[in-house]
PDB file of all heavy atoms in Angstrom:
ATOM      1  N   ILE A   1     -15.020  24.266   1.432  1.00  0.00           N
ATOM      2  CA  ILE A   1     -15.468  24.087   2.809  1.00  0.00           C
ATOM      3  C   ILE A   1     -14.926  22.809   3.438  1.00  0.00           C
ATOM      4  O   ILE A   1     -15.348  22.418   4.529  1.00  0.00           O
ATOM      5  CB  ILE A   1     -17.013  24.080   2.899  1.00  0.00           C
ATOM      6  CG1 ILE A   1     -17.586  22.885   2.137  1.00  0.00           C
ATOM      7  CG2 ILE A   1     -17.578  25.394   2.366  1.00  0.00           C
ATOM      8  CD1 ILE A   1     -19.072  22.690   2.355  1.00  0.00           C
ATOM      9  N   PHE A   2     -13.963  22.153   2.773  1.00  0.00           N
ATOM     10  CA  PHE A   2     -13.448  20.889   3.264  1.00  0.00           C
ATOM     11  C   PHE A   2     -11.943  20.826   3.084  1.00  0.00           C
ATOM     12  O   PHE A   2     -11.420  21.241   2.054  1.00  0.00           O
ATOM     13  CB  PHE A   2     -14.109  19.721   2.526  1.00  0.00           C
ATOM     14  CG  PHE A   2     -13.936  18.394   3.203  1.00  0.00           C
ATOM     15  CD1 PHE A   2     -14.820  17.977   4.179  1.00  0.00           C
ATOM     16  CD2 PHE A   2     -12.882  17.560   2.864  1.00  0.00           C
ATOM     17  CE1 PHE A   2     -14.671  16.758   4.804  1.00  0.00           C
ATOM     18  CE2 PHE A   2     -12.717  16.338   3.489  1.00  0.00           C
ATOM     19  CZ  PHE A   2     -13.620  15.939   4.461  1.00  0.00           C
ATOM     20  N   ARG A   3     -11.256  20.291   4.089  1.00  0.00           N
ATOM     21  CA  ARG A   3      -9.810  20.108   4.025  1.00  0.00           C
ATOM     22  C   ARG A   3      -9.497  18.617   3.977  1.00  0.00           C
ATOM     23  O   ARG A   3      -9.848  17.878   4.891  1.00  0.00           O
ATOM     24  CB  ARG A   3      -9.134  20.749   5.229  1.00  0.00           C
ATOM     25  CG  ARG A   3      -7.615  20.588   5.247  1.00  0.00           C
ATOM     26  CD  ARG A   3      -7.002  21.397   6.355  1.00  0.00           C
ATOM     27  NE  ARG A   3      -5.559  21.246   6.419  1.00  0.00           N
ATOM     28  CZ  ARG A   3      -4.760  21.944   7.213  1.00  0.00           C
ATOM     29  NH1 ARG A   3      -5.281  22.872   8.017  1.00  0.00           N
ATOM     30  NH2 ARG A   3      -3.455  21.729   7.207  1.00  0.00           N
ATOM     31  N   PHE A   4      -8.853  18.207   2.898  1.00  0.00           N
ATOM     32  CA  PHE A   4      -8.501  16.806   2.726  1.00  0.00           C
ATOM     33  C   PHE A   4      -7.140  16.530   3.357  1.00  0.00           C
ATOM     34  O   PHE A   4      -6.105  16.941   2.841  1.00  0.00           O
ATOM     35  CB  PHE A   4      -8.477  16.437   1.246  1.00  0.00           C
ATOM     36  CG  PHE A   4      -9.828  16.437   0.595  1.00  0.00           C
ATOM     37  CD1 PHE A   4     -10.303  17.558  -0.062  1.00  0.00           C
ATOM     38  CD2 PHE A   4     -10.628  15.306   0.643  1.00  0.00           C
ATOM     39  CE1 PHE A   4     -11.544  17.556  -0.654  1.00  0.00           C
ATOM     40  CE2 PHE A   4     -11.884  15.289   0.051  1.00  0.00           C
ATOM     41  CZ  PHE A   4     -12.343  16.418  -0.597  1.00  0.00           C
ATOM     42  N   ASN A   5      -7.149  15.812   4.481  1.00  0.00           N
ATOM     43  CA  ASN A   5      -5.903  15.453   5.142  1.00  0.00           C
ATOM     44  C   ASN A   5      -5.169  14.353   4.373  1.00  0.00           C
ATOM     45  O   ASN A   5      -3.952  14.379   4.245  1.00  0.00           O
ATOM     46  CB  ASN A   5      -6.150  14.988   6.579  1.00  0.00           C
ATOM     47  CG  ASN A   5      -6.730  16.063   7.467  1.00  0.00           C
ATOM     48  OD1 ASN A   5      -7.710  15.836   8.170  1.00  0.00           O
ATOM     49  ND2 ASN A   5      -6.131  17.248   7.442  1.00  0.00           N
ATOM     50  N   THR A   6      -5.920  13.384   3.883  1.00  0.00           N
ATOM     51  CA  THR A   6      -5.346  12.295   3.106  1.00  0.00           C
ATOM     52  C   THR A   6      -6.184  12.073   1.857  1.00  0.00           C
ATOM     53  O   THR A   6      -7.402  12.206   1.881  1.00  0.00           O
ATOM     54  CB  THR A   6      -5.276  10.985   3.905  1.00  0.00           C
ATOM     55  OG1 THR A   6      -6.594  10.584   4.291  1.00  0.00           O
ATOM     56  CG2 THR A   6      -4.430  11.165   5.158  1.00  0.00           C
ATOM     57  N   MET A   7      -5.512  11.719   0.768  1.00  0.00           N
ATOM     58  CA  MET A   7      -6.184  11.415  -0.479  1.00  0.00           C
ATOM     59  C   MET A   7      -5.519  10.192  -1.094  1.00  0.00           C
ATOM     60  O   MET A   7      -4.351   9.907  -0.824  1.00  0.00           O
ATOM     61  CB  MET A   7      -6.120  12.595  -1.451  1.00  0.00           C
ATOM     62  CG  MET A   7      -6.763  13.866  -0.916  1.00  0.00           C
ATOM     63  SD  MET A   7      -6.856  15.195  -2.148  1.00  0.00           S
ATOM     64  CE  MET A   7      -8.200  14.571  -3.182  1.00  0.00           C
ATOM     65  N   GLY A   8      -6.271   9.479  -1.910  1.00  0.00           N
ATOM     66  CA  GLY A   8      -5.699   8.293  -2.507  1.00  0.00           C
ATOM     67  C   GLY A   8      -6.461   7.824  -3.725  1.00  0.00           C
ATOM     68  O   GLY A   8      -7.527   8.347  -4.062  1.00  0.00           O
ATOM     69  N   TRP A   9      -5.869   6.847  -4.393  1.00  0.00           N
ATOM     70  CA  TRP A   9      -6.468   6.212  -5.557  1.00  0.00           C
ATOM     71  C   TRP A   9      -6.686   4.740  -5.267  1.00  0.00           C
ATOM     72  O   TRP A   9      -5.813   4.065  -4.701  1.00  0.00           O
ATOM     73  CB  TRP A   9      -5.570   6.345  -6.788  1.00  0.00           C
ATOM     74  CG  TRP A   9      -5.423   7.745  -7.291  1.00  0.00           C
ATOM     75  CD1 TRP A   9      -4.471   8.653  -6.941  1.00  0.00           C
ATOM     76  CD2 TRP A   9      -6.252   8.390  -8.256  1.00  0.00           C
ATOM     77  NE1 TRP A   9      -4.654   9.824  -7.620  1.00  0.00           N
ATOM     78  CE2 TRP A   9      -5.739   9.703  -8.437  1.00  0.00           C
ATOM     79  CE3 TRP A   9      -7.378   8.002  -8.985  1.00  0.00           C
ATOM     80  CZ2 TRP A   9      -6.321  10.611  -9.326  1.00  0.00           C
ATOM     81  CZ3 TRP A   9      -7.946   8.913  -9.857  1.00  0.00           C
ATOM     82  CH2 TRP A   9      -7.424  10.192 -10.022  1.00  0.00           C
ATOM     83  N   TYR A  10      -7.857   4.238  -5.667  1.00  0.00           N
ATOM     84  CA  TYR A  10      -8.207   2.837  -5.518  1.00  0.00           C
ATOM     85  C   TYR A  10      -8.654   2.305  -6.869  1.00  0.00           C
ATOM     86  O   TYR A  10      -9.182   3.045  -7.691  1.00  0.00           O
ATOM     87  CB  TYR A  10      -9.325   2.653  -4.490  1.00  0.00           C
ATOM     88  CG  TYR A  10      -8.923   3.028  -3.082  1.00  0.00           C
ATOM     89  CD1 TYR A  10      -8.856   4.357  -2.691  1.00  0.00           C
ATOM     90  CD2 TYR A  10      -8.607   2.042  -2.146  1.00  0.00           C
ATOM     91  CE1 TYR A  10      -8.479   4.709  -1.405  1.00  0.00           C
ATOM     92  CE2 TYR A  10      -8.233   2.383  -0.857  1.00  0.00           C
ATOM     93  CZ  TYR A  10      -8.173   3.713  -0.495  1.00  0.00           C
ATOM     94  OH  TYR A  10      -7.806   4.054   0.780  1.00  0.00           O
ATOM     95  N   ARG A  11      -8.454   1.029  -7.091  1.00  0.00           N
ATOM     96  CA  ARG A  11      -8.909   0.432  -8.337  1.00  0.00           C
ATOM     97  C   ARG A  11      -9.871  -0.709  -8.045  1.00  0.00           C
ATOM     98  O   ARG A  11      -9.756  -1.387  -7.026  1.00  0.00           O
ATOM     99  CB  ARG A  11      -7.739  -0.080  -9.182  1.00  0.00           C
ATOM    100  CG  ARG A  11      -7.036  -1.306  -8.621  1.00  0.00           C
ATOM    101  CD  ARG A  11      -5.948  -1.785  -9.567  1.00  0.00           C
ATOM    102  NE  ARG A  11      -5.354  -3.035  -9.123  1.00  0.00           N
ATOM    103  CZ  ARG A  11      -4.391  -3.673  -9.764  1.00  0.00           C
ATOM    104  NH1 ARG A  11      -3.897  -3.162 -10.898  1.00  0.00           N
ATOM    105  NH2 ARG A  11      -3.915  -4.808  -9.288  1.00  0.00           N
ATOM    106  N   ARG A  12     -10.818  -0.881  -8.944  1.00  0.00           N
ATOM    107  CA  ARG A  12     -11.800  -1.943  -8.787  1.00  0.00           C
ATOM    108  C   ARG A  12     -11.972  -2.686 -10.101  1.00  0.00           C
ATOM    109  O   ARG A  12     -12.249  -2.080 -11.136  1.00  0.00           O
ATOM    110  CB  ARG A  12     -13.145  -1.388  -8.332  1.00  0.00           C
ATOM    111  CG  ARG A  12     -14.186  -2.464  -8.078  1.00  0.00           C
ATOM    112  CD  ARG A  12     -15.494  -1.882  -7.589  1.00  0.00           C
ATOM    113  NE  ARG A  12     -16.458  -2.916  -7.287  1.00  0.00           N
ATOM    114  CZ  ARG A  12     -17.245  -3.493  -8.179  1.00  0.00           C
ATOM    115  NH1 ARG A  12     -17.193  -3.132  -9.445  1.00  0.00           N
ATOM    116  NH2 ARG A  12     -18.096  -4.439  -7.814  1.00  0.00           N
ATOM    117  N   ILE A  13     -11.784  -3.994 -10.044  1.00  0.00           N
ATOM    118  CA  ILE A  13     -12.006  -4.870 -11.186  1.00  0.00           C
ATOM    119  C   ILE A  13     -13.317  -5.601 -10.936  1.00  0.00           C
ATOM    120  O   ILE A  13     -13.528  -6.125  -9.841  1.00  0.00           O
ATOM    121  CB  ILE A  13     -10.852  -5.872 -11.354  1.00  0.00           C
ATOM    122  CG1 ILE A  13      -9.535  -5.126 -11.543  1.00  0.00           C
ATOM    123  CG2 ILE A  13     -11.114  -6.817 -12.524  1.00  0.00           C
ATOM    124  CD1 ILE A  13      -8.316  -6.011 -11.558  1.00  0.00           C
ATOM    125  N   PRO A  14     -14.217  -5.638 -11.923  1.00  0.00           N
ATOM    126  CA  PRO A  14     -15.503  -6.311 -11.716  1.00  0.00           C
ATOM    127  C   PRO A  14     -15.346  -7.711 -11.142  1.00  0.00           C
ATOM    128  O   PRO A  14     -14.544  -8.503 -11.630  1.00  0.00           O
ATOM    129  CB  PRO A  14     -16.103  -6.350 -13.125  1.00  0.00           C
ATOM    130  CG  PRO A  14     -15.531  -5.139 -13.788  1.00  0.00           C
ATOM    131  CD  PRO A  14     -14.113  -5.055 -13.266  1.00  0.00           C
ATOM    132  N   GLY A  15     -16.101  -7.993 -10.083  1.00  0.00           N
ATOM    133  CA  GLY A  15     -16.047  -9.291  -9.445  1.00  0.00           C
ATOM    134  C   GLY A  15     -14.948  -9.447  -8.411  1.00  0.00           C
ATOM    135  O   GLY A  15     -14.838 -10.511  -7.792  1.00  0.00           O
ATOM    136  N   GLU A  16     -14.135  -8.412  -8.227  1.00  0.00           N
ATOM    137  CA  GLU A  16     -13.043  -8.471  -7.262  1.00  0.00           C
ATOM    138  C   GLU A  16     -13.130  -7.299  -6.290  1.00  0.00           C
ATOM    139  O   GLU A  16     -13.754  -6.280  -6.572  1.00  0.00           O
ATOM    140  CB  GLU A  16     -11.691  -8.452  -7.973  1.00  0.00           C
ATOM    141  CG  GLU A  16     -11.469  -9.609  -8.925  1.00  0.00           C
ATOM    142  CD  GLU A  16     -10.097  -9.577  -9.567  1.00  0.00           C
ATOM    143  OE1 GLU A  16      -9.233  -8.806  -9.099  1.00  0.00           O
ATOM    144  OE2 GLU A  16      -9.882 -10.329 -10.539  1.00  0.00           O
ATOM    145  N   ALA A  17     -12.477  -7.452  -5.139  1.00  0.00           N
ATOM    146  CA  ALA A  17     -12.453  -6.396  -4.142  1.00  0.00           C
ATOM    147  C   ALA A  17     -11.555  -5.252  -4.605  1.00  0.00           C
ATOM    148  O   ALA A  17     -10.619  -5.451  -5.376  1.00  0.00           O
ATOM    149  CB  ALA A  17     -11.961  -6.939  -2.812  1.00  0.00           C
ATOM    150  N   GLY A  18     -11.846  -4.055  -4.133  1.00  0.00           N
ATOM    151  CA  GLY A  18     -11.036  -2.912  -4.481  1.00  0.00           C
ATOM    152  C   GLY A  18      -9.670  -2.952  -3.808  1.00  0.00           C
ATOM    153  O   GLY A  18      -9.522  -3.483  -2.714  1.00  0.00           O
ATOM    154  N   ASP A  19      -8.669  -2.395  -4.489  1.00  0.00           N
ATOM    155  CA  ASP A  19      -7.301  -2.367  -3.976  1.00  0.00           C
ATOM    156  C   ASP A  19      -6.789  -0.935  -3.904  1.00  0.00           C
ATOM    157  O   ASP A  19      -7.113  -0.101  -4.749  1.00  0.00           O
ATOM    158  CB  ASP A  19      -6.365  -3.164  -4.873  1.00  0.00           C
ATOM    159  CG  ASP A  19      -6.659  -4.647  -4.889  1.00  0.00           C
ATOM    160  OD1 ASP A  19      -7.021  -5.192  -3.834  1.00  0.00           O
ATOM    161  OD2 ASP A  19      -6.508  -5.264  -5.971  1.00  0.00           O
ATOM    162  N   LEU A  20      -5.965  -0.679  -2.891  1.00  0.00           N
ATOM    163  CA  LEU A  20      -5.299   0.614  -2.797  1.00  0.00           C
ATOM    164  C   LEU A  20      -4.231   0.704  -3.879  1.00  0.00           C
ATOM    165  O   LEU A  20      -3.396  -0.187  -4.010  1.00  0.00           O
ATOM    166  CB  LEU A  20      -4.654   0.793  -1.424  1.00  0.00           C
ATOM    167  CG  LEU A  20      -3.733   2.010  -1.282  1.00  0.00           C
ATOM    168  CD1 LEU A  20      -4.551   3.300  -1.316  1.00  0.00           C
ATOM    169  CD2 LEU A  20      -2.922   1.927   0.005  1.00  0.00           C
ATOM    170  N   VAL A  21      -4.261   1.781  -4.649  1.00  0.00           N
ATOM    171  CA  VAL A  21      -3.229   2.048  -5.638  1.00  0.00           C
ATOM    172  C   VAL A  21      -2.133   2.901  -5.006  1.00  0.00           C
ATOM    173  O   VAL A  21      -0.954   2.557  -5.039  1.00  0.00           O
ATOM    174  CB  VAL A  21      -3.794   2.759  -6.877  1.00  0.00           C
ATOM    175  CG1 VAL A  21      -2.685   3.038  -7.887  1.00  0.00           C
ATOM    176  CG2 VAL A  21      -4.897   1.922  -7.511  1.00  0.00           C
ATOM    177  N   ALA A  22      -2.529   4.025  -4.431  1.00  0.00           N
ATOM    178  CA  ALA A  22      -1.589   4.930  -3.786  1.00  0.00           C
ATOM    179  C   ALA A  22      -2.347   5.907  -2.912  1.00  0.00           C
ATOM    180  O   ALA A  22      -3.511   6.202  -3.165  1.00  0.00           O
ATOM    181  CB  ALA A  22      -0.752   5.683  -4.825  1.00  0.00           C
ATOM    182  N   ALA A  23      -1.689   6.412  -1.886  1.00  0.00           N
ATOM    183  CA  ALA A  23      -2.274   7.410  -1.007  1.00  0.00           C
ATOM    184  C   ALA A  23      -1.223   8.443  -0.645  1.00  0.00           C
ATOM    185  O   ALA A  23      -0.023   8.149  -0.656  1.00  0.00           O
ATOM    186  CB  ALA A  23      -2.836   6.756   0.258  1.00  0.00           C
ATOM    187  N   ILE A  24      -1.678   9.639  -0.313  1.00  0.00           N
ATOM    188  CA  ILE A  24      -0.754  10.720   0.028  1.00  0.00           C
ATOM    189  C   ILE A  24      -1.378  11.626   1.080  1.00  0.00           C
ATOM    190  O   ILE A  24      -2.569  11.923   1.044  1.00  0.00           O
ATOM    191  CB  ILE A  24      -0.355  11.524  -1.235  1.00  0.00           C
ATOM    192  CG1 ILE A  24       0.728  12.547  -0.907  1.00  0.00           C
ATOM    193  CG2 ILE A  24      -1.580  12.185  -1.861  1.00  0.00           C
ATOM    194  CD1 ILE A  24       1.343  13.186  -2.153  1.00  0.00           C
ATOM    195  N   SER A  25      -0.572  12.063   2.036  1.00  0.00           N
ATOM    196  CA  SER A  25      -1.024  12.973   3.080  1.00  0.00           C
ATOM    197  C   SER A  25      -0.720  14.408   2.681  1.00  0.00           C
ATOM    198  O   SER A  25      -0.042  14.664   1.685  1.00  0.00           O
ATOM    199  CB  SER A  25      -0.332  12.649   4.408  1.00  0.00           C
ATOM    200  OG  SER A  25       1.039  13.009   4.354  1.00  0.00           O
ATOM    201  N   GLU A  26      -1.216  15.366   3.474  1.00  0.00           N
ATOM    202  CA  GLU A  26      -0.922  16.767   3.209  1.00  0.00           C
ATOM    203  C   GLU A  26       0.572  17.039   3.300  1.00  0.00           C
ATOM    204  O   GLU A  26       1.083  17.925   2.608  1.00  0.00           O
ATOM    205  CB  GLU A  26      -1.661  17.669   4.202  1.00  0.00           C
ATOM    206  CG  GLU A  26      -3.140  17.822   3.926  1.00  0.00           C
ATOM    207  CD  GLU A  26      -3.774  18.866   4.815  1.00  0.00           C
ATOM    208  OE1 GLU A  26      -3.825  18.646   6.041  1.00  0.00           O
ATOM    209  OE2 GLU A  26      -4.208  19.916   4.284  1.00  0.00           O
ATOM    210  N   GLY A  27       1.272  16.292   4.144  1.00  0.00           N
ATOM    211  CA  GLY A  27       2.705  16.465   4.297  1.00  0.00           C
ATOM    212  C   GLY A  27       3.531  15.789   3.230  1.00  0.00           C
ATOM    213  O   GLY A  27       4.762  15.872   3.256  1.00  0.00           O
ATOM    214  N   GLY A  28       2.883  15.098   2.299  1.00  0.00           N
ATOM    215  CA  GLY A  28       3.587  14.458   1.207  1.00  0.00           C
ATOM    216  C   GLY A  28       4.026  13.032   1.468  1.00  0.00           C
ATOM    217  O   GLY A  28       4.754  12.454   0.654  1.00  0.00           O
ATOM    218  N   VAL A  29       3.608  12.453   2.586  1.00  0.00           N
ATOM    219  CA  VAL A  29       3.933  11.064   2.871  1.00  0.00           C
ATOM    220  C   VAL A  29       3.082  10.170   1.982  1.00  0.00           C
ATOM    221  O   VAL A  29       1.864  10.321   1.927  1.00  0.00           O
ATOM    222  CB  VAL A  29       3.692  10.719   4.345  1.00  0.00           C
ATOM    223  CG1 VAL A  29       4.005   9.247   4.614  1.00  0.00           C
ATOM    224  CG2 VAL A  29       4.542  11.607   5.241  1.00  0.00           C
ATOM    225  N   THR A  30       3.717   9.236   1.281  1.00  0.00           N
ATOM    226  CA  THR A  30       3.011   8.405   0.313  1.00  0.00           C
ATOM    227  C   THR A  30       3.023   6.934   0.690  1.00  0.00           C
ATOM    228  O   THR A  30       3.893   6.457   1.423  1.00  0.00           O
ATOM    229  CB  THR A  30       3.622   8.559  -1.085  1.00  0.00           C
ATOM    230  OG1 THR A  30       5.006   8.182  -1.047  1.00  0.00           O
ATOM    231  CG2 THR A  30       3.516   9.994  -1.565  1.00  0.00           C
ATOM    232  N   GLN A  31       2.051   6.214   0.158  1.00  0.00           N
ATOM    233  CA  GLN A  31       1.944   4.775   0.331  1.00  0.00           C
ATOM    234  C   GLN A  31       1.459   4.188  -0.986  1.00  0.00           C
ATOM    235  O   GLN A  31       0.551   4.731  -1.619  1.00  0.00           O
ATOM    236  CB  GLN A  31       0.972   4.425   1.452  1.00  0.00           C
ATOM    237  CG  GLN A  31       0.791   2.935   1.682  1.00  0.00           C
ATOM    238  CD  GLN A  31      -0.193   2.635   2.800  1.00  0.00           C
ATOM    239  OE1 GLN A  31      -0.609   3.527   3.531  1.00  0.00           O
ATOM    240  NE2 GLN A  31      -0.565   1.376   2.946  1.00  0.00           N
ATOM    241  N   TYR A  32       2.070   3.076  -1.406  1.00  0.00           N
ATOM    242  CA  TYR A  32       1.717   2.465  -2.677  1.00  0.00           C
ATOM    243  C   TYR A  32       1.335   1.004  -2.512  1.00  0.00           C
ATOM    244  O   TYR A  32       1.894   0.289  -1.678  1.00  0.00           O
ATOM    245  CB  TYR A  32       2.880   2.545  -3.666  1.00  0.00           C
ATOM    246  CG  TYR A  32       3.202   3.939  -4.136  1.00  0.00           C
ATOM    247  CD1 TYR A  32       4.141   4.717  -3.469  1.00  0.00           C
ATOM    248  CD2 TYR A  32       2.564   4.479  -5.250  1.00  0.00           C
ATOM    249  CE1 TYR A  32       4.436   6.000  -3.897  1.00  0.00           C
ATOM    250  CE2 TYR A  32       2.856   5.755  -5.686  1.00  0.00           C
ATOM    251  CZ  TYR A  32       3.789   6.516  -5.008  1.00  0.00           C
ATOM    252  OH  TYR A  32       4.079   7.784  -5.450  1.00  0.00           O
ATOM    253  N   GLY A  33       0.377   0.573  -3.322  1.00  0.00           N
ATOM    254  CA  GLY A  33       0.100  -0.841  -3.420  1.00  0.00           C
ATOM    255  C   GLY A  33       1.270  -1.516  -4.115  1.00  0.00           C
ATOM    256  O   GLY A  33       1.978  -0.894  -4.908  1.00  0.00           O
ATOM    257  N   GLY A  34       1.474  -2.802  -3.820  1.00  0.00           N
ATOM    258  CA  GLY A  34       2.625  -3.509  -4.356  1.00  0.00           C
ATOM    259  C   GLY A  34       2.729  -3.467  -5.872  1.00  0.00           C
ATOM    260  O   GLY A  34       3.826  -3.304  -6.422  1.00  0.00           O
TER     261      GLY A  34
END
């Protein structure tokens, strides 16, 4: 019942803010953390 336009992975280290690992759109456009 849901369509995911964008999906991604995030990482969290205890005591630190979460960081983007990678993201991807339905069209295959990707973005990566450094």
